[in-house]
Amino acid sequence: MTGLGARRHCDLAPVGGLEETITGWEPNEQLVVSIDSASKLPISNGLATFTLGDGETTIDYSYELKGLIGRVTARLLDRQLRKGFEGFLTDLETAAQQQPTA
């Protein structure tokens, strides 16, 4: 399944994983990904919105923390998420540049 309603499991390095669902989809404009659950991470759920515009992609995200460990590690977790999103965007840009043009 692709597009709205598509689901996937995403393994994260060095540990953990996410179950995700596409909850918003506007081709060439916006993608909204719901984090339904997370394993081995102090996150219970979240939402990430990818918006395309003027040659840039922006990512807005929010998440709910699990328990005391989540609250204690919140700053580290946020830093790691930002690093992961930046790497994701870099990988997308590289892949887009390698696409053959028609």
Protein backbone atom coordinates (compact mmCIF):
# COMPACT_ATOMS: atom_id res chain seq x y z
CA MET A 1 0.00 0.00 0.00
CA THR A 2 1.24 3.49 -0.78
CA GLY A 3 -0.07 6.98 -0.03
CA LEU A 4 -2.67 7.79 2.60
CA GLY A 5 -3.04 4.98 5.13
CA ALA A 6 0.24 3.26 4.21
CA ARG A 7 1.99 1.69 7.19
CA ARG A 8 5.57 0.70 7.82
CA HIS A 9 7.98 -0.47 10.48
CA CYS A 10 11.19 1.54 10.74
CA ASP A 11 14.25 0.13 12.54
CA LEU A 12 16.41 2.80 14.16
CA ALA A 13 20.15 2.57 14.76
CA PRO A 14 21.57 1.70 17.19
CA VAL A 15 18.38 0.48 18.91
CA GLY A 16 14.62 0.67 18.71
CA GLY A 17 11.96 0.97 16.09
CA LEU A 18 8.80 2.79 15.08
CA GLU A 19 5.43 1.79 13.68
CA GLU A 20 4.26 4.56 11.33
CA THR A 21 1.16 5.42 9.31
CA ILE A 22 0.78 8.05 6.56
CA THR A 23 -2.10 10.20 7.84
CA GLY A 24 -1.77 13.15 5.48
CA TRP A 25 -0.73 13.24 1.81
CA GLU A 26 -0.73 16.13 -0.64
CA PRO A 27 1.52 15.11 -3.57
CA ASN A 28 4.46 17.49 -4.07
CA GLU A 29 3.30 19.55 -1.07
CA GLN A 30 3.04 17.73 2.24
CA LEU A 31 3.43 14.37 3.96
CA VAL A 32 2.19 13.70 7.50
CA VAL A 33 3.49 10.63 9.33
CA SER A 34 1.91 9.39 12.56
CA ILE A 35 4.21 7.49 14.92
CA ASP A 36 1.78 4.96 16.29
CA SER A 37 4.21 3.25 18.66
CA ALA A 38 7.90 3.03 19.46
CA SER A 39 9.87 0.09 20.81
CA LYS A 40 12.90 0.52 23.08
CA LEU A 41 12.45 4.31 22.96
CA PRO A 42 10.93 6.66 25.54
CA ILE A 43 8.24 7.81 23.04
CA SER A 44 4.63 6.66 23.17
CA ASN A 45 3.50 8.35 19.91
CA GLY A 46 4.20 11.32 17.68
CA LEU A 47 3.56 13.20 14.49
CA ALA A 48 5.95 14.47 11.80
CA THR A 49 4.91 16.83 9.00
CA PHE A 50 7.14 17.19 5.93
CA THR A 51 6.32 20.27 3.84
CA LEU A 52 7.83 21.05 0.43
CA GLY A 53 8.14 24.61 -0.82
CA ASP A 54 10.48 26.93 -2.72
CA GLY A 55 13.21 24.31 -3.05
CA GLU A 56 13.19 23.55 0.68
CA THR A 57 11.71 20.86 2.83
CA THR A 58 10.69 21.66 6.39
CA ILE A 59 9.94 19.15 9.11
CA ASP A 60 7.72 19.89 12.07
CA TYR A 61 7.39 17.19 14.67
CA SER A 62 5.96 16.51 18.09
CA TYR A 63 5.89 13.48 20.32
CA GLU A 64 4.72 12.27 23.71
CA LEU A 65 7.30 10.95 26.13
CA LYS A 66 6.95 7.74 28.14
CA GLY A 67 7.54 7.87 31.87
CA LEU A 68 10.43 9.22 33.90
CA ILE A 69 13.10 8.01 31.47
CA GLY A 70 11.42 9.98 28.70
CA ARG A 71 11.40 13.16 30.76
CA VAL A 72 15.03 12.68 31.87
CA THR A 73 16.30 12.02 28.33
CA ALA A 74 14.07 14.57 26.54
CA ARG A 75 16.91 16.91 25.46
CA LEU A 76 19.09 14.07 24.20
CA LEU A 77 16.15 12.51 22.38
CA ASP A 78 15.24 15.79 20.70
CA ARG A 79 18.85 16.28 19.58
CA GLN A 80 18.93 12.75 18.15
CA LEU A 81 15.63 13.25 16.33
CA ARG A 82 16.87 16.47 14.74
CA LYS A 83 20.08 14.74 13.66
CA GLY A 84 18.06 11.87 12.19
CA PHE A 85 15.73 14.20 10.28
CA GLU A 86 18.69 16.17 8.89
CA GLY A 87 20.28 12.92 7.71
CA PHE A 88 16.99 11.84 6.17
CA LEU A 89 16.74 15.10 4.19
CA THR A 90 20.36 14.82 3.06
CA ASP A 91 19.73 11.26 1.85
CA LEU A 92 16.61 12.39 -0.02
CA GLU A 93 18.51 15.20 -1.71
CA THR A 94 21.27 12.81 -2.77
CA ALA A 95 18.74 10.33 -4.16
CA ALA A 96 16.89 13.08 -6.04
CA GLN A 97 20.12 14.29 -7.65
CA GLN A 98 20.88 10.76 -8.83
CA GLN A 99 17.51 10.36 -10.58
CA PRO A 100 17.77 10.34 -14.37
CA THR A 101 16.01 13.21 -16.08
CA ALA A 102 13.58 12.53 -18.90
